[in-house]
Amino acid sequence: MKHYNIPVFISHFGCPNACVFCNQKKINGRETDVSLDDLKNIIDSYLKTLPKNSIKEVAFFGGTFTGISMELQKQYLEVVKKYIDNEDVEGVRISTRPECIDDEILTQLKKYGVKTIELGIQSLDDEVLKATGRHYNYEIVKKSCDLIKEYGFTLGVQLMIGLPKSDFKSDLMSAVKSLNLNADIARIYPTL
């Protein structure tokens, strides 16, 4: 059965800082936050066009979902949970950052039907992370990945090649080290 993501772009929402490589508002053209009504409208619009016999997930992209307040996460997830309960969608996938993962957050995500968590780790070279404004290291990444897997989520990792202070050797080292994270999904993005 074919899989479809219903993309909900929460441009920079929840992001603790502005990384040098990212401007989600320009990338996806959305300058405002997503209201609960916007969320319903996005989902309803996609459900009208996607095949009935397909796997559909609501996907929160373009921000740090677990960086927003627990209450607002809950409000977004409660909207989607109604679609899950009606069997209109199978679940939720989110993008977030390694330092924005803990037991309390994962418990709530599990309760509301999140199935996949993609971590924007970008690099596993501490010098590159510092140069790009990421405030974590490999140990934090590994701990977050282990915790996500412990809770039974599908784990995705996102790496970027060509970041400031990186080179072929650094990018290759990040790719090799990422194999130790036991991810189910890996995405590699070029820095443009």
N, C-alpha and C. Protein backbone atom coordinates (compact mmCIF):
# COMPACT_ATOMS: atom_id res chain seq x y z
N MET A 1 0.84 -1.17 0.00
CA MET A 1 0.00 0.00 0.00
C MET A 1 0.89 1.25 0.00
N LYS A 2 0.54 2.22 -0.80
CA LYS A 2 1.34 3.45 -0.93
C LYS A 2 1.21 4.32 0.32
N HIS A 3 2.32 4.97 0.67
CA HIS A 3 2.38 5.85 1.85
C HIS A 3 2.39 7.31 1.41
N TYR A 4 1.61 8.13 2.11
CA TYR A 4 1.58 9.57 1.84
C TYR A 4 1.75 10.33 3.15
N ASN A 5 2.56 11.37 3.10
CA ASN A 5 2.63 12.31 4.21
C ASN A 5 1.72 13.49 3.91
N ILE A 6 0.98 13.90 4.91
CA ILE A 6 0.21 15.14 4.83
C ILE A 6 1.08 16.19 5.52
N PRO A 7 1.79 17.02 4.73
CA PRO A 7 2.78 17.92 5.33
C PRO A 7 2.16 19.14 5.99
N VAL A 8 2.59 19.37 7.21
CA VAL A 8 2.20 20.57 7.95
C VAL A 8 3.50 21.28 8.31
N PHE A 9 3.74 22.42 7.68
CA PHE A 9 5.00 23.14 7.90
C PHE A 9 4.84 24.14 9.03
N ILE A 10 5.56 23.88 10.11
CA ILE A 10 5.53 24.74 11.30
C ILE A 10 6.82 25.57 11.32
N SER A 11 6.99 26.39 10.31
CA SER A 11 8.22 27.12 10.03
C SER A 11 8.91 27.69 11.26
N HIS A 12 10.05 27.13 11.58
CA HIS A 12 10.91 27.57 12.69
C HIS A 12 10.24 27.48 14.06
N PHE A 13 8.99 27.03 14.10
CA PHE A 13 8.27 26.96 15.37
C PHE A 13 8.99 25.98 16.29
N GLY A 14 9.30 26.41 17.49
CA GLY A 14 9.96 25.56 18.46
C GLY A 14 11.47 25.54 18.35
N CYS A 15 12.02 26.12 17.29
CA CYS A 15 13.47 26.12 17.12
C CYS A 15 14.10 27.06 18.14
N PRO A 16 15.09 26.58 18.88
CA PRO A 16 15.70 27.40 19.92
C PRO A 16 16.66 28.46 19.40
N ASN A 17 17.09 28.33 18.16
CA ASN A 17 18.00 29.31 17.57
C ASN A 17 17.90 29.24 16.05
N ALA A 18 18.57 30.14 15.39
CA ALA A 18 18.56 30.16 13.93
C ALA A 18 19.86 29.56 13.42
N CYS A 19 19.78 28.35 12.91
CA CYS A 19 20.97 27.70 12.37
C CYS A 19 21.38 28.41 11.08
N VAL A 20 22.68 28.42 10.79
CA VAL A 20 23.18 29.19 9.66
C VAL A 20 22.66 28.68 8.31
N PHE A 21 22.24 27.44 8.24
CA PHE A 21 21.84 26.84 6.97
C PHE A 21 20.33 26.85 6.74
N CYS A 22 19.56 27.41 7.67
CA CYS A 22 18.12 27.18 7.62
C CYS A 22 17.32 28.47 7.67
N ASN A 23 16.37 28.58 6.75
CA ASN A 23 15.35 29.62 6.83
C ASN A 23 14.05 29.00 6.32
N GLN A 24 13.38 28.28 7.19
CA GLN A 24 12.19 27.53 6.79
C GLN A 24 11.09 28.42 6.24
N LYS A 25 10.98 29.64 6.73
CA LYS A 25 9.92 30.52 6.24
C LYS A 25 10.12 30.84 4.76
N LYS A 26 11.36 30.97 4.33
CA LYS A 26 11.62 31.20 2.90
C LYS A 26 11.51 29.90 2.11
N ILE A 27 11.95 28.81 2.72
CA ILE A 27 11.94 27.52 2.02
C ILE A 27 10.52 27.08 1.68
N ASN A 28 9.60 27.20 2.64
CA ASN A 28 8.24 26.70 2.38
C ASN A 28 7.22 27.80 2.17
N GLY A 29 7.63 29.06 2.25
CA GLY A 29 6.74 30.17 1.92
C GLY A 29 5.70 30.50 2.96
N ARG A 30 5.82 29.95 4.15
CA ARG A 30 4.84 30.21 5.21
C ARG A 30 5.48 31.10 6.27
N GLU A 31 4.91 32.29 6.46
CA GLU A 31 5.45 33.26 7.41
C GLU A 31 4.76 33.23 8.77
N THR A 32 3.62 32.57 8.85
CA THR A 32 2.84 32.59 10.09
C THR A 32 2.78 31.20 10.72
N ASP A 33 2.47 31.17 12.00
CA ASP A 33 2.30 29.90 12.69
C ASP A 33 1.03 29.21 12.22
N VAL A 34 0.97 27.91 12.39
CA VAL A 34 -0.19 27.11 11.99
C VAL A 34 -1.19 27.09 13.14
N SER A 35 -2.38 27.62 12.88
CA SER A 35 -3.44 27.57 13.90
C SER A 35 -4.08 26.19 13.88
N LEU A 36 -4.89 25.91 14.88
CA LEU A 36 -5.59 24.62 14.91
C LEU A 36 -6.56 24.51 13.74
N ASP A 37 -7.20 25.61 13.36
CA ASP A 37 -8.07 25.60 12.19
C ASP A 37 -7.27 25.36 10.91
N ASP A 38 -6.09 26.00 10.81
CA ASP A 38 -5.22 25.74 9.66
C ASP A 38 -4.89 24.26 9.56
N LEU A 39 -4.56 23.66 10.69
CA LEU A 39 -4.20 22.25 10.73
C LEU A 39 -5.35 21.39 10.20
N LYS A 40 -6.56 21.64 10.69
CA LYS A 40 -7.73 20.88 10.21
C LYS A 40 -7.92 21.07 8.71
N ASN A 41 -7.78 22.31 8.24
CA ASN A 41 -7.98 22.59 6.82
C ASN A 41 -6.94 21.89 5.95
N ILE A 42 -5.70 21.88 6.41
CA ILE A 42 -4.63 21.19 5.66
C ILE A 42 -4.95 19.70 5.55
N ILE A 43 -5.29 19.10 6.67
CA ILE A 43 -5.58 17.65 6.67
C ILE A 43 -6.79 17.35 5.80
N ASP A 44 -7.87 18.11 5.98
CA ASP A 44 -9.09 17.88 5.18
C ASP A 44 -8.81 18.03 3.69
N SER A 45 -8.03 19.03 3.33
CA SER A 45 -7.71 19.26 1.92
C SER A 45 -6.96 18.08 1.32
N TYR A 46 -5.97 17.56 2.03
CA TYR A 46 -5.21 16.41 1.53
C TYR A 46 -6.07 15.16 1.49
N LEU A 47 -6.91 14.96 2.49
CA LEU A 47 -7.73 13.75 2.52
C LEU A 47 -8.70 13.69 1.34
N LYS A 48 -9.09 14.84 0.80
CA LYS A 48 -9.98 14.87 -0.36
C LYS A 48 -9.29 14.36 -1.62
N THR A 49 -7.96 14.47 -1.67
CA THR A 49 -7.26 14.13 -2.91
C THR A 49 -6.46 12.83 -2.84
N LEU A 50 -6.13 12.37 -1.65
CA LEU A 50 -5.31 11.16 -1.53
C LEU A 50 -6.17 9.91 -1.69
N PRO A 51 -5.60 8.86 -2.27
CA PRO A 51 -6.36 7.61 -2.45
C PRO A 51 -6.86 7.06 -1.11
N LYS A 52 -8.06 6.55 -1.12
CA LYS A 52 -8.66 6.00 0.11
C LYS A 52 -7.84 4.83 0.66
N ASN A 53 -7.44 3.94 -0.22
CA ASN A 53 -6.68 2.76 0.21
C ASN A 53 -5.19 3.05 0.20
N SER A 54 -4.77 3.92 1.09
CA SER A 54 -3.35 4.26 1.21
C SER A 54 -3.04 4.55 2.67
N ILE A 55 -1.77 4.50 2.99
CA ILE A 55 -1.33 4.83 4.34
C ILE A 55 -1.03 6.32 4.38
N LYS A 56 -1.65 7.01 5.31
CA LYS A 56 -1.48 8.45 5.42
C LYS A 56 -1.02 8.82 6.82
N GLU A 57 0.00 9.68 6.89
CA GLU A 57 0.47 10.20 8.16
C GLU A 57 0.47 11.72 8.08
N VAL A 58 0.10 12.36 9.17
CA VAL A 58 0.26 13.80 9.28
C VAL A 58 1.71 14.03 9.70
N ALA A 59 2.41 14.88 8.95
CA ALA A 59 3.85 15.08 9.18
C ALA A 59 4.13 16.54 9.50
N PHE A 60 4.61 16.78 10.71
CA PHE A 60 4.98 18.13 11.13
C PHE A 60 6.44 18.35 10.76
N PHE A 61 6.67 19.20 9.75
CA PHE A 61 8.00 19.48 9.23
C PHE A 61 8.35 20.95 9.41
N GLY A 62 9.63 21.26 9.23
CA GLY A 62 10.07 22.65 9.13
C GLY A 62 10.28 23.38 10.44
N GLY A 63 10.20 22.69 11.52
CA GLY A 63 10.41 23.31 12.82
C GLY A 63 10.89 22.25 13.80
N THR A 64 10.84 22.59 15.06
CA THR A 64 11.23 21.66 16.12
C THR A 64 9.98 21.36 16.92
N PHE A 65 9.25 20.32 16.50
CA PHE A 65 7.95 20.05 17.11
C PHE A 65 8.04 19.93 18.62
N THR A 66 9.04 19.21 19.11
CA THR A 66 9.14 19.01 20.55
C THR A 66 9.78 20.19 21.27
N GLY A 67 10.11 21.23 20.53
CA GLY A 67 10.60 22.46 21.13
C GLY A 67 9.48 23.44 21.46
N ILE A 68 8.28 23.17 20.94
CA ILE A 68 7.15 24.01 21.30
C ILE A 68 6.60 23.53 22.65
N SER A 69 5.79 24.33 23.26
CA SER A 69 5.30 23.98 24.60
C SER A 69 4.54 22.65 24.58
N MET A 70 4.60 21.95 25.69
CA MET A 70 3.89 20.67 25.80
C MET A 70 2.40 20.87 25.55
N GLU A 71 1.86 21.98 26.01
CA GLU A 71 0.42 22.24 25.83
C GLU A 71 0.08 22.42 24.36
N LEU A 72 0.88 23.17 23.63
CA LEU A 72 0.59 23.37 22.21
C LEU A 72 0.82 22.08 21.42
N GLN A 73 1.86 21.32 21.77
CA GLN A 73 2.03 20.00 21.15
C GLN A 73 0.75 19.18 21.33
N LYS A 74 0.25 19.18 22.55
CA LYS A 74 -0.96 18.42 22.87
C LYS A 74 -2.14 18.90 22.03
N GLN A 75 -2.30 20.21 21.89
CA GLN A 75 -3.42 20.74 21.10
C GLN A 75 -3.33 20.29 19.64
N TYR A 76 -2.14 20.40 19.05
CA TYR A 76 -1.96 19.92 17.68
C TYR A 76 -2.27 18.43 17.58
N LEU A 77 -1.72 17.66 18.50
CA LEU A 77 -1.89 16.21 18.44
C LEU A 77 -3.33 15.78 18.71
N GLU A 78 -4.05 16.53 19.54
CA GLU A 78 -5.47 16.21 19.77
C GLU A 78 -6.28 16.38 18.49
N VAL A 79 -5.95 17.39 17.69
CA VAL A 79 -6.63 17.57 16.41
C VAL A 79 -6.39 16.35 15.53
N VAL A 80 -5.13 15.93 15.42
CA VAL A 80 -4.79 14.80 14.56
C VAL A 80 -5.35 13.49 15.11
N LYS A 81 -5.40 13.36 16.42
CA LYS A 81 -5.90 12.12 17.05
C LYS A 81 -7.32 11.81 16.61
N LYS A 82 -8.12 12.84 16.39
CA LYS A 82 -9.50 12.61 15.91
C LYS A 82 -9.49 11.93 14.54
N TYR A 83 -8.55 12.32 13.69
CA TYR A 83 -8.43 11.69 12.37
C TYR A 83 -7.91 10.26 12.49
N ILE A 84 -7.03 10.04 13.46
CA ILE A 84 -6.53 8.68 13.70
C ILE A 84 -7.68 7.80 14.20
N ASP A 85 -8.44 8.31 15.17
CA ASP A 85 -9.56 7.54 15.73
C ASP A 85 -10.62 7.23 14.67
N ASN A 86 -10.79 8.12 13.68
CA ASN A 86 -11.74 7.90 12.59
C ASN A 86 -11.14 7.05 11.47
N GLU A 87 -9.87 6.66 11.65
CA GLU A 87 -9.13 5.86 10.67
C GLU A 87 -8.93 6.58 9.34
N ASP A 88 -8.90 7.91 9.38
CA ASP A 88 -8.59 8.71 8.19
C ASP A 88 -7.08 8.77 7.97
N VAL A 89 -6.32 8.77 9.05
CA VAL A 89 -4.86 8.73 8.97
C VAL A 89 -4.35 7.66 9.93
N GLU A 90 -3.15 7.16 9.63
CA GLU A 90 -2.57 6.08 10.43
C GLU A 90 -1.83 6.59 11.66
N GLY A 91 -1.28 7.79 11.56
CA GLY A 91 -0.48 8.30 12.66
C GLY A 91 0.17 9.61 12.31
N VAL A 92 1.19 9.93 13.09
CA VAL A 92 1.87 11.22 12.98
C VAL A 92 3.37 10.97 12.88
N ARG A 93 4.04 11.82 12.12
CA ARG A 93 5.51 11.86 12.13
C ARG A 93 5.92 13.30 12.39
N ILE A 94 7.02 13.45 13.11
CA ILE A 94 7.50 14.79 13.44
C ILE A 94 8.99 14.90 13.14
N SER A 95 9.41 16.13 12.93
CA SER A 95 10.84 16.45 12.87
C SER A 95 11.18 17.26 14.10
N THR A 96 12.35 17.00 14.66
CA THR A 96 12.77 17.72 15.86
C THR A 96 14.29 17.67 15.98
N ARG A 97 14.79 18.11 17.12
CA ARG A 97 16.22 18.18 17.39
C ARG A 97 16.57 17.24 18.54
N PRO A 98 17.81 16.75 18.58
CA PRO A 98 18.20 15.80 19.62
C PRO A 98 18.08 16.32 21.04
N GLU A 99 18.34 17.60 21.26
CA GLU A 99 18.30 18.12 22.62
C GLU A 99 16.88 18.45 23.09
N CYS A 100 15.90 18.16 22.26
CA CYS A 100 14.50 18.42 22.60
C CYS A 100 13.72 17.12 22.78
N ILE A 101 14.38 16.11 23.32
CA ILE A 101 13.77 14.80 23.55
C ILE A 101 13.97 14.42 25.01
N ASP A 102 12.88 14.00 25.66
CA ASP A 102 12.98 13.45 27.02
C ASP A 102 11.80 12.52 27.26
N ASP A 103 11.77 11.89 28.42
CA ASP A 103 10.72 10.92 28.74
C ASP A 103 9.33 11.54 28.70
N GLU A 104 9.17 12.72 29.28
CA GLU A 104 7.85 13.36 29.32
C GLU A 104 7.33 13.62 27.91
N ILE A 105 8.18 14.14 27.07
CA ILE A 105 7.79 14.43 25.68
C ILE A 105 7.42 13.14 24.95
N LEU A 106 8.26 12.12 25.06
CA LEU A 106 8.01 10.87 24.34
C LEU A 106 6.74 10.18 24.83
N THR A 107 6.45 10.27 26.11
CA THR A 107 5.21 9.70 26.65
C THR A 107 4.00 10.36 26.01
N GLN A 108 4.04 11.69 25.90
CA GLN A 108 2.92 12.40 25.28
C GLN A 108 2.81 12.07 23.80
N LEU A 109 3.93 12.04 23.09
CA LEU A 109 3.89 11.73 21.66
C LEU A 109 3.30 10.35 21.42
N LYS A 110 3.68 9.38 22.22
CA LYS A 110 3.17 8.01 22.09
C LYS A 110 1.66 7.99 22.31
N LYS A 111 1.20 8.71 23.33
CA LYS A 111 -0.22 8.75 23.68
C LYS A 111 -1.08 9.25 22.53
N TYR A 112 -0.55 10.18 21.74
CA TYR A 112 -1.36 10.81 20.69
C TYR A 112 -1.08 10.28 19.28
N GLY A 113 -0.43 9.14 19.16
CA GLY A 113 -0.34 8.49 17.86
C GLY A 113 0.87 8.85 17.00
N VAL A 114 1.89 9.46 17.59
CA VAL A 114 3.11 9.69 16.82
C VAL A 114 3.80 8.34 16.62
N LYS A 115 4.19 8.08 15.39
CA LYS A 115 4.84 6.81 15.06
C LYS A 115 6.31 7.00 14.69
N THR A 116 6.61 8.11 14.04
CA THR A 116 7.96 8.33 13.52
C THR A 116 8.50 9.66 14.04
N ILE A 117 9.73 9.62 14.51
CA ILE A 117 10.43 10.83 14.94
C ILE A 117 11.71 10.94 14.13
N GLU A 118 11.82 12.04 13.38
CA GLU A 118 13.03 12.29 12.61
C GLU A 118 13.85 13.35 13.33
N LEU A 119 15.09 13.01 13.63
CA LEU A 119 15.99 13.94 14.31
C LEU A 119 16.90 14.62 13.30
N GLY A 120 16.87 15.94 13.30
CA GLY A 120 17.80 16.70 12.47
C GLY A 120 19.14 16.78 13.18
N ILE A 121 19.96 15.75 13.01
CA ILE A 121 21.26 15.75 13.69
C ILE A 121 22.30 16.53 12.88
N GLN A 122 22.11 16.61 11.58
CA GLN A 122 22.92 17.38 10.63
C GLN A 122 24.36 16.90 10.53
N SER A 123 25.07 16.78 11.65
CA SER A 123 26.47 16.33 11.65
C SER A 123 26.76 15.68 12.99
N LEU A 124 27.78 14.86 13.01
CA LEU A 124 28.24 14.29 14.27
C LEU A 124 29.67 14.74 14.58
N ASP A 125 30.08 15.81 13.93
CA ASP A 125 31.37 16.45 14.17
C ASP A 125 31.12 17.67 15.05
N ASP A 126 31.67 17.66 16.25
CA ASP A 126 31.41 18.75 17.21
C ASP A 126 31.80 20.12 16.67
N GLU A 127 32.88 20.20 15.90
CA GLU A 127 33.31 21.49 15.34
C GLU A 127 32.28 22.01 14.33
N VAL A 128 31.75 21.12 13.52
CA VAL A 128 30.73 21.50 12.54
C VAL A 128 29.45 21.92 13.26
N LEU A 129 29.06 21.17 14.27
CA LEU A 129 27.85 21.52 15.03
C LEU A 129 27.98 22.91 15.64
N LYS A 130 29.13 23.21 16.20
CA LYS A 130 29.35 24.53 16.80
C LYS A 130 29.30 25.63 15.74
N ALA A 131 29.93 25.39 14.59
CA ALA A 131 29.97 26.39 13.52
C ALA A 131 28.59 26.67 12.93
N THR A 132 27.69 25.71 13.04
CA THR A 132 26.35 25.88 12.45
C THR A 132 25.29 26.28 13.46
N GLY A 133 25.69 26.44 14.72
CA GLY A 133 24.72 26.90 15.73
C GLY A 133 23.91 25.79 16.35
N ARG A 134 24.40 24.57 16.26
CA ARG A 134 23.72 23.45 16.92
C ARG A 134 24.37 23.25 18.28
N HIS A 135 23.58 23.16 19.32
CA HIS A 135 24.11 23.14 20.68
C HIS A 135 23.98 21.77 21.34
N TYR A 136 24.58 20.77 20.70
CA TYR A 136 24.59 19.42 21.25
C TYR A 136 25.82 18.71 20.71
N ASN A 137 26.06 17.50 21.18
CA ASN A 137 27.18 16.70 20.71
C ASN A 137 26.70 15.26 20.47
N TYR A 138 27.64 14.39 20.09
CA TYR A 138 27.29 13.01 19.76
C TYR A 138 26.60 12.31 20.92
N GLU A 139 27.05 12.54 22.14
CA GLU A 139 26.47 11.87 23.30
C GLU A 139 24.99 12.21 23.44
N ILE A 140 24.64 13.46 23.23
CA ILE A 140 23.23 13.87 23.31
C ILE A 140 22.43 13.21 22.18
N VAL A 141 23.01 13.18 20.99
CA VAL A 141 22.34 12.53 19.85
C VAL A 141 22.10 11.06 20.16
N LYS A 142 23.12 10.37 20.62
CA LYS A 142 23.01 8.93 20.91
C LYS A 142 21.97 8.67 21.99
N LYS A 143 21.99 9.48 23.04
CA LYS A 143 21.01 9.31 24.12
C LYS A 143 19.59 9.50 23.60
N SER A 144 19.37 10.52 22.78
CA SER A 144 18.04 10.78 22.22
C SER A 144 17.58 9.64 21.33
N CYS A 145 18.48 9.17 20.48
CA CYS A 145 18.13 8.06 19.58
C CYS A 145 17.78 6.80 20.37
N ASP A 146 18.58 6.49 21.38
CA ASP A 146 18.31 5.31 22.21
C ASP A 146 16.96 5.43 22.91
N LEU A 147 16.65 6.60 23.41
CA LEU A 147 15.38 6.82 24.11
C LEU A 147 14.20 6.68 23.15
N ILE A 148 14.33 7.24 21.97
CA ILE A 148 13.27 7.14 20.96
C ILE A 148 13.01 5.67 20.62
N LYS A 149 14.05 4.90 20.42
CA LYS A 149 13.90 3.48 20.11
C LYS A 149 13.31 2.72 21.30
N GLU A 150 13.74 3.08 22.51
CA GLU A 150 13.22 2.44 23.73
C GLU A 150 11.70 2.60 23.83
N TYR A 151 11.19 3.73 23.38
CA TYR A 151 9.75 3.99 23.42
C TYR A 151 9.01 3.36 22.24
N GLY A 152 9.73 2.74 21.32
CA GLY A 152 9.09 2.03 20.22
C GLY A 152 8.74 2.86 19.00
N PHE A 153 9.31 4.04 18.88
CA PHE A 153 9.08 4.87 17.70
C PHE A 153 9.97 4.41 16.55
N THR A 154 9.54 4.69 15.33
CA THR A 154 10.41 4.59 14.18
C THR A 154 11.33 5.81 14.23
N LEU A 155 12.63 5.57 14.10
CA LEU A 155 13.62 6.64 14.21
C LEU A 155 14.19 6.99 12.85
N GLY A 156 14.13 8.27 12.53
CA GLY A 156 14.79 8.79 11.34
C GLY A 156 15.89 9.75 11.74
N VAL A 157 16.98 9.75 11.01
CA VAL A 157 18.04 10.73 11.24
C VAL A 157 18.28 11.49 9.94
N GLN A 158 18.51 12.78 10.10
CA GLN A 158 18.77 13.65 8.96
C GLN A 158 20.18 14.20 9.09
N LEU A 159 20.98 13.99 8.05
CA LEU A 159 22.34 14.51 7.99
C LEU A 159 22.44 15.52 6.86
N MET A 160 23.36 16.46 6.99
CA MET A 160 23.61 17.43 5.94
C MET A 160 25.08 17.38 5.55
N ILE A 161 25.33 17.41 4.25
CA ILE A 161 26.71 17.46 3.78
C ILE A 161 27.01 18.87 3.31
N GLY A 162 28.29 19.25 3.44
CA GLY A 162 28.70 20.57 2.97
C GLY A 162 28.45 21.71 3.93
N LEU A 163 28.27 21.40 5.20
CA LEU A 163 28.05 22.45 6.21
C LEU A 163 29.35 23.21 6.48
N PRO A 164 29.26 24.42 7.05
CA PRO A 164 30.47 25.15 7.42
C PRO A 164 31.37 24.29 8.32
N LYS A 165 32.66 24.35 8.06
CA LYS A 165 33.71 23.62 8.80
C LYS A 165 33.72 22.12 8.48
N SER A 166 32.85 21.67 7.59
CA SER A 166 32.88 20.25 7.23
C SER A 166 33.69 20.07 5.95
N ASP A 167 34.12 18.86 5.74
CA ASP A 167 34.78 18.47 4.51
C ASP A 167 34.39 17.02 4.24
N PHE A 168 34.94 16.44 3.20
CA PHE A 168 34.58 15.07 2.85
C PHE A 168 34.80 14.12 4.02
N LYS A 169 35.95 14.25 4.68
CA LYS A 169 36.29 13.37 5.79
C LYS A 169 35.29 13.52 6.94
N SER A 170 34.94 14.74 7.26
CA SER A 170 33.98 15.01 8.34
C SER A 170 32.59 14.46 7.99
N ASP A 171 32.16 14.70 6.76
CA ASP A 171 30.85 14.20 6.34
C ASP A 171 30.81 12.68 6.34
N LEU A 172 31.89 12.05 5.89
CA LEU A 172 31.96 10.60 5.89
C LEU A 172 31.95 10.06 7.32
N MET A 173 32.70 10.70 8.21
CA MET A 173 32.73 10.29 9.61
C MET A 173 31.33 10.37 10.22
N SER A 174 30.60 11.44 9.91
CA SER A 174 29.23 11.57 10.43
C SER A 174 28.34 10.44 9.92
N ALA A 175 28.48 10.13 8.64
CA ALA A 175 27.67 9.05 8.07
C ALA A 175 27.99 7.71 8.73
N VAL A 176 29.26 7.43 8.93
CA VAL A 176 29.66 6.17 9.56
C VAL A 176 29.19 6.12 11.01
N LYS A 177 29.40 7.20 11.77
CA LYS A 177 28.95 7.23 13.17
C LYS A 177 27.44 7.10 13.28
N SER A 178 26.72 7.62 12.28
CA SER A 178 25.26 7.56 12.33
C SER A 178 24.75 6.12 12.26
N LEU A 179 25.56 5.22 11.72
CA LEU A 179 25.17 3.80 11.67
C LEU A 179 25.00 3.22 13.07
N ASN A 180 25.68 3.78 14.06
CA ASN A 180 25.57 3.31 15.44
C ASN A 180 24.31 3.80 16.14
N LEU A 181 23.51 4.60 15.45
CA LEU A 181 22.31 5.17 16.07
C LEU A 181 21.09 4.28 15.89
N ASN A 182 21.22 3.19 15.13
CA ASN A 182 20.12 2.23 14.90
C ASN A 182 18.87 2.87 14.31
N ALA A 183 19.07 3.82 13.42
CA ALA A 183 17.94 4.49 12.79
C ALA A 183 17.27 3.57 11.77
N ASP A 184 15.97 3.76 11.63
CA ASP A 184 15.20 3.03 10.62
C ASP A 184 15.21 3.76 9.28
N ILE A 185 15.41 5.07 9.35
CA ILE A 185 15.38 5.95 8.17
C ILE A 185 16.59 6.87 8.26
N ALA A 186 17.24 7.09 7.13
CA ALA A 186 18.32 8.09 7.07
C ALA A 186 18.09 8.97 5.85
N ARG A 187 18.20 10.26 6.06
CA ARG A 187 18.07 11.22 4.97
C ARG A 187 19.35 12.05 4.93
N ILE A 188 19.85 12.27 3.74
CA ILE A 188 21.02 13.11 3.57
C ILE A 188 20.63 14.29 2.71
N TYR A 189 20.84 15.48 3.24
CA TYR A 189 20.50 16.71 2.54
C TYR A 189 21.77 17.48 2.21
N PRO A 190 21.86 18.02 1.00
CA PRO A 190 23.01 18.89 0.68
C PRO A 190 22.77 20.29 1.24
N THR A 191 23.85 20.95 1.60
CA THR A 191 23.75 22.35 2.00
C THR A 191 23.84 23.18 0.73
N LEU A 192 22.85 24.01 0.51
CA LEU A 192 22.81 24.82 -0.72
C LEU A 192 23.17 26.26 -0.41
